[in-house]
Amino acid sequence: GEVFDMAALTQAAHAAGAATTGAFVGAAVMVAALLRRDLLRVSDLQKVPSLESVLKMLVPGLPLAACIGAVAAAVLGMSAAAASLGAVALAAHAVVKQVVDFALAAFGTFSTVSQSLVAAALGANDPARARASVKRLATLGCGLGLGAAAAILAAAPRLPLLFTPDAAVGAAAAAVLPVVAALMPLAPAGAALEGALL
């Protein structure tokens, strides 16, 4: 028990370290690119923005912040509920969450592309093109989401085994994966709409 716990803690620490390092490296690359293109000046970072300018950016983002907060609360609530059901349920929850996180990370590109296309169209004073771009992305997203749903359904009995050799955990996770698959068709379309709002 103690050996397993120490091994699990070590793996978690390594994963957290890798994720943190990746985030810092990504941020450094982005800042370097902005500085190289003269889109970011160090002198600008030394200026304290006025409250009025902060509010102009903050207020439109409140609905999205509320959405993110609601999602975070739901994830925490479900994690707590799974933990209360025992070790197998908690482990199955972790497996299912990994599948969902992977899918959402892949579908997150729809948000980025939508932001770019909508910004370009609105910058050119062409709202019709912006609407058409979002509609196209949402349609494409639904199609890819259906493909992801079919793949998850087909792989549901074996997919959890990629994350755990425990048969009980695998069976519990496999039982929930059809619910995840049912939500997949809407996920990329939602990401496209989110990008349009941003």
C-alpha atoms as a PDB file:
ATOM      1  CA  GLY A   1       0.000   0.000   0.000  1.00  0.00           C
ATOM      2  CA  GLU A   2       2.681   2.507   1.017  1.00  0.00           C
ATOM      3  CA  VAL A   3       4.924   1.563  -1.927  1.00  0.00           C
ATOM      4  CA  PHE A   4       1.999   2.019  -4.343  1.00  0.00           C
ATOM      5  CA  ASP A   5       1.083   5.349  -2.750  1.00  0.00           C
ATOM      6  CA  MET A   6       4.665   6.620  -3.030  1.00  0.00           C
ATOM      7  CA  ALA A   7       4.908   5.491  -6.658  1.00  0.00           C
ATOM      8  CA  ALA A   8       1.592   7.180  -7.465  1.00  0.00           C
ATOM      9  CA  LEU A   9       2.699  10.387  -5.748  1.00  0.00           C
ATOM     10  CA  THR A  10       6.010  10.351  -7.638  1.00  0.00           C
ATOM     11  CA  GLN A  11       4.233   9.875 -10.967  1.00  0.00           C
ATOM     12  CA  ALA A  12       1.786  12.666 -10.111  1.00  0.00           C
ATOM     13  CA  ALA A  13       4.666  14.981  -9.188  1.00  0.00           C
ATOM     14  CA  HIS A  14       6.452  14.201 -12.475  1.00  0.00           C
ATOM     15  CA  ALA A  15       3.246  14.786 -14.468  1.00  0.00           C
ATOM     16  CA  ALA A  16       2.610  18.078 -12.680  1.00  0.00           C
ATOM     17  CA  GLY A  17       6.203  19.160 -13.252  1.00  0.00           C
ATOM     18  CA  ALA A  18       6.016  18.307 -16.959  1.00  0.00           C
ATOM     19  CA  ALA A  19       2.713  20.155 -17.368  1.00  0.00           C
ATOM     20  CA  THR A  20       4.031  23.225 -15.553  1.00  0.00           C
ATOM     21  CA  THR A  21       7.265  23.227 -17.556  1.00  0.00           C
ATOM     22  CA  GLY A  22       5.281  22.908 -20.779  1.00  0.00           C
ATOM     23  CA  ALA A  23       3.073  25.847 -19.820  1.00  0.00           C
ATOM     24  CA  PHE A  24       6.084  28.069 -19.030  1.00  0.00           C
ATOM     25  CA  VAL A  25       7.907  27.078 -22.220  1.00  0.00           C
ATOM     26  CA  GLY A  26       4.776  27.774 -24.271  1.00  0.00           C
ATOM     27  CA  ALA A  27       4.368  31.175 -22.623  1.00  0.00           C
ATOM     28  CA  ALA A  28       8.045  32.021 -23.221  1.00  0.00           C
ATOM     29  CA  VAL A  29       7.778  31.102 -26.903  1.00  0.00           C
ATOM     30  CA  MET A  30       4.636  33.236 -27.262  1.00  0.00           C
ATOM     31  CA  VAL A  31       6.191  36.256 -25.519  1.00  0.00           C
ATOM     32  CA  ALA A  32       9.352  35.924 -27.632  1.00  0.00           C
ATOM     33  CA  ALA A  33       7.269  35.864 -30.830  1.00  0.00           C
ATOM     34  CA  LEU A  34       5.302  38.945 -29.739  1.00  0.00           C
ATOM     35  CA  LEU A  35       8.507  40.823 -28.883  1.00  0.00           C
ATOM     36  CA  ARG A  36      10.148  39.831 -32.166  1.00  0.00           C
ATOM     37  CA  ARG A  37       7.174  41.164 -34.153  1.00  0.00           C
ATOM     38  CA  ASP A  38       7.083  44.331 -32.048  1.00  0.00           C
ATOM     39  CA  LEU A  39       3.530  43.543 -30.887  1.00  0.00           C
ATOM     40  CA  LEU A  40       4.603  43.634 -27.252  1.00  0.00           C
ATOM     41  CA  ARG A  41       6.814  46.270 -25.701  1.00  0.00           C
ATOM     42  CA  VAL A  42       8.371  45.990 -22.261  1.00  0.00           C
ATOM     43  CA  SER A  43       7.544  49.667 -21.673  1.00  0.00           C
ATOM     44  CA  ASP A  44       3.843  48.845 -22.143  1.00  0.00           C
ATOM     45  CA  LEU A  45       4.052  46.245 -19.376  1.00  0.00           C
ATOM     46  CA  GLN A  46       5.307  48.898 -16.964  1.00  0.00           C
ATOM     47  CA  LYS A  47       2.192  51.032 -17.384  1.00  0.00           C
ATOM     48  CA  VAL A  48      -0.652  50.424 -14.944  1.00  0.00           C
ATOM     49  CA  PRO A  49      -3.927  50.281 -16.922  1.00  0.00           C
ATOM     50  CA  SER A  50      -6.737  52.570 -15.880  1.00  0.00           C
ATOM     51  CA  LEU A  51      -9.763  51.108 -14.111  1.00  0.00           C
ATOM     52  CA  GLU A  52     -11.946  52.195 -17.032  1.00  0.00           C
ATOM     53  CA  SER A  53      -9.861  50.263 -19.569  1.00  0.00           C
ATOM     54  CA  VAL A  54      -9.845  47.188 -17.310  1.00  0.00           C
ATOM     55  CA  LEU A  55     -13.630  47.294 -16.934  1.00  0.00           C
ATOM     56  CA  LYS A  56     -14.081  47.548 -20.704  1.00  0.00           C
ATOM     57  CA  MET A  57     -12.321  44.207 -21.052  1.00  0.00           C
ATOM     58  CA  LEU A  58     -13.651  42.638 -17.858  1.00  0.00           C
ATOM     59  CA  VAL A  59     -17.399  43.214 -18.194  1.00  0.00           C
ATOM     60  CA  PRO A  60     -17.881  41.463 -21.583  1.00  0.00           C
ATOM     61  CA  GLY A  61     -15.975  38.463 -20.245  1.00  0.00           C
ATOM     62  CA  LEU A  62     -18.122  37.962 -17.136  1.00  0.00           C
ATOM     63  CA  PRO A  63     -20.602  35.557 -18.793  1.00  0.00           C
ATOM     64  CA  LEU A  64     -17.728  33.396 -20.057  1.00  0.00           C
ATOM     65  CA  ALA A  65     -16.070  33.529 -16.630  1.00  0.00           C
ATOM     66  CA  ALA A  66     -19.358  32.398 -15.068  1.00  0.00           C
ATOM     67  CA  CYS A  67     -19.504  29.519 -17.576  1.00  0.00           C
ATOM     68  CA  ILE A  68     -15.954  28.428 -16.737  1.00  0.00           C
ATOM     69  CA  GLY A  69     -16.742  28.687 -13.033  1.00  0.00           C
ATOM     70  CA  ALA A  70     -19.836  26.526 -13.462  1.00  0.00           C
ATOM     71  CA  VAL A  71     -17.836  23.874 -15.324  1.00  0.00           C
ATOM     72  CA  ALA A  72     -15.134  23.892 -12.635  1.00  0.00           C
ATOM     73  CA  ALA A  73     -17.776  23.562  -9.904  1.00  0.00           C
ATOM     74  CA  ALA A  74     -19.394  20.658 -11.763  1.00  0.00           C
ATOM     75  CA  VAL A  75     -16.059  18.859 -12.151  1.00  0.00           C
ATOM     76  CA  LEU A  76     -15.237  19.337  -8.462  1.00  0.00           C
ATOM     77  CA  GLY A  77     -18.715  18.203  -7.454  1.00  0.00           C
ATOM     78  CA  MET A  78     -18.542  15.068  -9.593  1.00  0.00           C
ATOM     79  CA  SER A  79     -15.052  14.279  -8.301  1.00  0.00           C
ATOM     80  CA  ALA A  80     -16.286  14.569  -4.722  1.00  0.00           C
ATOM     81  CA  ALA A  81     -19.303  12.390  -5.511  1.00  0.00           C
ATOM     82  CA  ALA A  82     -17.099   9.746  -7.146  1.00  0.00           C
ATOM     83  CA  ALA A  83     -14.714   9.791  -4.179  1.00  0.00           C
ATOM     84  CA  SER A  84     -17.607   9.196  -1.806  1.00  0.00           C
ATOM     85  CA  LEU A  85     -18.534   6.028  -3.735  1.00  0.00           C
ATOM     86  CA  GLY A  86     -15.163   4.389  -3.149  1.00  0.00           C
ATOM     87  CA  ALA A  87     -11.814   3.782  -4.809  1.00  0.00           C
ATOM     88  CA  VAL A  88     -13.191   1.975  -7.890  1.00  0.00           C
ATOM     89  CA  ALA A  89     -15.680   4.730  -8.694  1.00  0.00           C
ATOM     90  CA  LEU A  90     -13.033   7.417  -8.192  1.00  0.00           C
ATOM     91  CA  ALA A  91     -10.542   5.614 -10.432  1.00  0.00           C
ATOM     92  CA  ALA A  92     -13.231   5.079 -13.107  1.00  0.00           C
ATOM     93  CA  HIS A  93     -14.106   8.768 -12.880  1.00  0.00           C
ATOM     94  CA  ALA A  94     -10.441   9.645 -13.455  1.00  0.00           C
ATOM     95  CA  VAL A  95     -10.315   7.389 -16.530  1.00  0.00           C
ATOM     96  CA  VAL A  96     -13.491   8.858 -18.025  1.00  0.00           C
ATOM     97  CA  LYS A  97     -12.274  12.384 -17.280  1.00  0.00           C
ATOM     98  CA  GLN A  98      -9.050  11.662 -19.195  1.00  0.00           C
ATOM     99  CA  VAL A  99     -11.063  10.556 -22.242  1.00  0.00           C
ATOM    100  CA  VAL A 100     -13.236  13.677 -22.032  1.00  0.00           C
ATOM    101  CA  ASP A 101     -10.231  15.970 -21.521  1.00  0.00           C
ATOM    102  CA  PHE A 102      -8.453  14.469 -24.537  1.00  0.00           C
ATOM    103  CA  ALA A 103     -11.518  14.943 -26.733  1.00  0.00           C
ATOM    104  CA  LEU A 104     -12.088  18.513 -25.544  1.00  0.00           C
ATOM    105  CA  ALA A 105      -8.430  19.386 -26.127  1.00  0.00           C
ATOM    106  CA  ALA A 106      -8.742  18.108 -29.698  1.00  0.00           C
ATOM    107  CA  PHE A 107     -12.014  19.968 -30.243  1.00  0.00           C
ATOM    108  CA  GLY A 108     -10.541  23.138 -28.709  1.00  0.00           C
ATOM    109  CA  THR A 109      -9.005  23.890 -32.097  1.00  0.00           C
ATOM    110  CA  PHE A 110     -12.504  24.744 -33.301  1.00  0.00           C
ATOM    111  CA  SER A 111     -12.584  27.617 -30.814  1.00  0.00           C
ATOM    112  CA  THR A 112      -9.234  28.981 -32.006  1.00  0.00           C
ATOM    113  CA  VAL A 113     -10.133  28.729 -35.695  1.00  0.00           C
ATOM    114  CA  SER A 114     -13.529  30.291 -35.049  1.00  0.00           C
ATOM    115  CA  GLN A 115     -11.918  33.228 -33.232  1.00  0.00           C
ATOM    116  CA  SER A 116      -9.542  33.832 -36.141  1.00  0.00           C
ATOM    117  CA  LEU A 117     -12.162  33.575 -38.890  1.00  0.00           C
ATOM    118  CA  VAL A 118     -14.722  35.721 -37.080  1.00  0.00           C
ATOM    119  CA  ALA A 119     -12.121  38.369 -36.186  1.00  0.00           C
ATOM    120  CA  ALA A 120     -10.915  38.507 -39.800  1.00  0.00           C
ATOM    121  CA  ALA A 121     -14.456  38.789 -41.160  1.00  0.00           C
ATOM    122  CA  LEU A 122     -15.579  41.417 -38.654  1.00  0.00           C
ATOM    123  CA  GLY A 123     -12.324  43.317 -39.197  1.00  0.00           C
ATOM    124  CA  ALA A 124     -13.231  43.440 -42.877  1.00  0.00           C
ATOM    125  CA  ASN A 125     -16.734  44.633 -41.908  1.00  0.00           C
ATOM    126  CA  ASP A 126     -18.292  41.435 -43.277  1.00  0.00           C
ATOM    127  CA  PRO A 127     -20.663  40.016 -40.626  1.00  0.00           C
ATOM    128  CA  ALA A 128     -22.292  37.692 -43.179  1.00  0.00           C
ATOM    129  CA  ARG A 129     -18.954  35.964 -43.767  1.00  0.00           C
ATOM    130  CA  ALA A 130     -18.452  35.688 -39.989  1.00  0.00           C
ATOM    131  CA  ARG A 131     -21.838  33.986 -39.578  1.00  0.00           C
ATOM    132  CA  ALA A 132     -21.151  31.658 -42.514  1.00  0.00           C
ATOM    133  CA  SER A 133     -17.758  30.700 -41.058  1.00  0.00           C
ATOM    134  CA  VAL A 134     -19.256  29.830 -37.689  1.00  0.00           C
ATOM    135  CA  LYS A 135     -22.058  27.845 -39.328  1.00  0.00           C
ATOM    136  CA  ARG A 136     -19.536  25.889 -41.428  1.00  0.00           C
ATOM    137  CA  LEU A 137     -17.351  25.174 -38.395  1.00  0.00           C
ATOM    138  CA  ALA A 138     -20.327  24.088 -36.290  1.00  0.00           C
ATOM    139  CA  THR A 139     -21.493  21.734 -39.048  1.00  0.00           C
ATOM    140  CA  LEU A 140     -18.010  20.290 -39.500  1.00  0.00           C
ATOM    141  CA  GLY A 141     -17.691  19.989 -35.730  1.00  0.00           C
ATOM    142  CA  CYS A 142     -20.920  18.036 -35.442  1.00  0.00           C
ATOM    143  CA  GLY A 143     -19.682  15.644 -38.120  1.00  0.00           C
ATOM    144  CA  LEU A 144     -16.358  15.085 -36.385  1.00  0.00           C
ATOM    145  CA  GLY A 145     -18.164  14.803 -33.062  1.00  0.00           C
ATOM    146  CA  LEU A 146     -20.332  12.028 -34.487  1.00  0.00           C
ATOM    147  CA  GLY A 147     -17.170  10.259 -35.619  1.00  0.00           C
ATOM    148  CA  ALA A 148     -15.652  10.622 -32.147  1.00  0.00           C
ATOM    149  CA  ALA A 149     -18.877   9.315 -30.588  1.00  0.00           C
ATOM    150  CA  ALA A 150     -18.834   6.251 -32.832  1.00  0.00           C
ATOM    151  CA  ALA A 151     -15.161   5.617 -32.016  1.00  0.00           C
ATOM    152  CA  ILE A 152     -15.753   5.893 -28.265  1.00  0.00           C
ATOM    153  CA  LEU A 153     -18.777   3.585 -28.451  1.00  0.00           C
ATOM    154  CA  ALA A 154     -16.865   1.005 -30.471  1.00  0.00           C
ATOM    155  CA  ALA A 155     -13.823   1.159 -28.172  1.00  0.00           C
ATOM    156  CA  ALA A 156     -15.745   1.494 -24.876  1.00  0.00           C
ATOM    157  CA  PRO A 157     -15.109  -2.080 -23.637  1.00  0.00           C
ATOM    158  CA  ARG A 158     -11.331  -1.836 -24.209  1.00  0.00           C
ATOM    159  CA  LEU A 159     -10.603   1.895 -24.009  1.00  0.00           C
ATOM    160  CA  PRO A 160     -10.314   2.016 -20.185  1.00  0.00           C
ATOM    161  CA  LEU A 161      -7.602  -0.666 -20.377  1.00  0.00           C
ATOM    162  CA  LEU A 162      -5.289   1.958 -21.870  1.00  0.00           C
ATOM    163  CA  PHE A 163      -5.418   3.715 -18.495  1.00  0.00           C
ATOM    164  CA  THR A 164      -5.697   0.871 -15.994  1.00  0.00           C
ATOM    165  CA  PRO A 165      -5.177  -2.900 -15.802  1.00  0.00           C
ATOM    166  CA  ASP A 166      -7.824  -3.139 -13.047  1.00  0.00           C
ATOM    167  CA  ALA A 167     -10.842  -5.040 -14.401  1.00  0.00           C
ATOM    168  CA  ALA A 168     -13.324  -3.505 -11.951  1.00  0.00           C
ATOM    169  CA  VAL A 169     -12.222   0.048 -12.760  1.00  0.00           C
ATOM    170  CA  GLY A 170     -12.277  -0.735 -16.482  1.00  0.00           C
ATOM    171  CA  ALA A 171     -15.805  -2.127 -16.299  1.00  0.00           C
ATOM    172  CA  ALA A 172     -17.071   0.869 -14.305  1.00  0.00           C
ATOM    173  CA  ALA A 173     -15.503   3.328 -16.763  1.00  0.00           C
ATOM    174  CA  ALA A 174     -16.776   1.392 -19.798  1.00  0.00           C
ATOM    175  CA  ALA A 175     -20.317   1.592 -18.419  1.00  0.00           C
ATOM    176  CA  VAL A 176     -20.147   5.408 -18.438  1.00  0.00           C
ATOM    177  CA  LEU A 177     -18.433   5.914 -21.807  1.00  0.00           C
ATOM    178  CA  PRO A 178     -21.711   5.669 -23.824  1.00  0.00           C
ATOM    179  CA  VAL A 179     -22.884   8.796 -21.978  1.00  0.00           C
ATOM    180  CA  VAL A 180     -19.650  10.537 -22.950  1.00  0.00           C
ATOM    181  CA  ALA A 181     -20.134   9.413 -26.556  1.00  0.00           C
ATOM    182  CA  ALA A 182     -23.656  10.846 -26.597  1.00  0.00           C
ATOM    183  CA  LEU A 183     -22.282  14.304 -25.749  1.00  0.00           C
ATOM    184  CA  MET A 184     -19.460  14.251 -28.297  1.00  0.00           C
ATOM    185  CA  PRO A 185     -21.410  15.540 -31.353  1.00  0.00           C
ATOM    186  CA  LEU A 186     -22.159  18.819 -29.569  1.00  0.00           C
ATOM    187  CA  ALA A 187     -18.688  19.429 -28.114  1.00  0.00           C
ATOM    188  CA  PRO A 188     -16.871  20.773 -31.213  1.00  0.00           C
ATOM    189  CA  ALA A 189     -19.899  22.791 -32.277  1.00  0.00           C
ATOM    190  CA  GLY A 190     -19.950  24.344 -28.805  1.00  0.00           C
ATOM    191  CA  ALA A 191     -16.241  25.124 -29.104  1.00  0.00           C
ATOM    192  CA  ALA A 192     -16.870  26.874 -32.444  1.00  0.00           C
ATOM    193  CA  LEU A 193     -19.646  28.981 -30.921  1.00  0.00           C
ATOM    194  CA  GLU A 194     -17.451  29.798 -27.910  1.00  0.00           C
ATOM    195  CA  GLY A 195     -14.712  30.976 -30.255  1.00  0.00           C
ATOM    196  CA  ALA A 196     -17.199  33.176 -32.102  1.00  0.00           C
ATOM    197  CA  LEU A 197     -18.196  34.827 -28.819  1.00  0.00           C
ATOM    198  CA  LEU A 198     -14.582  35.418 -27.853  1.00  0.00           C
END
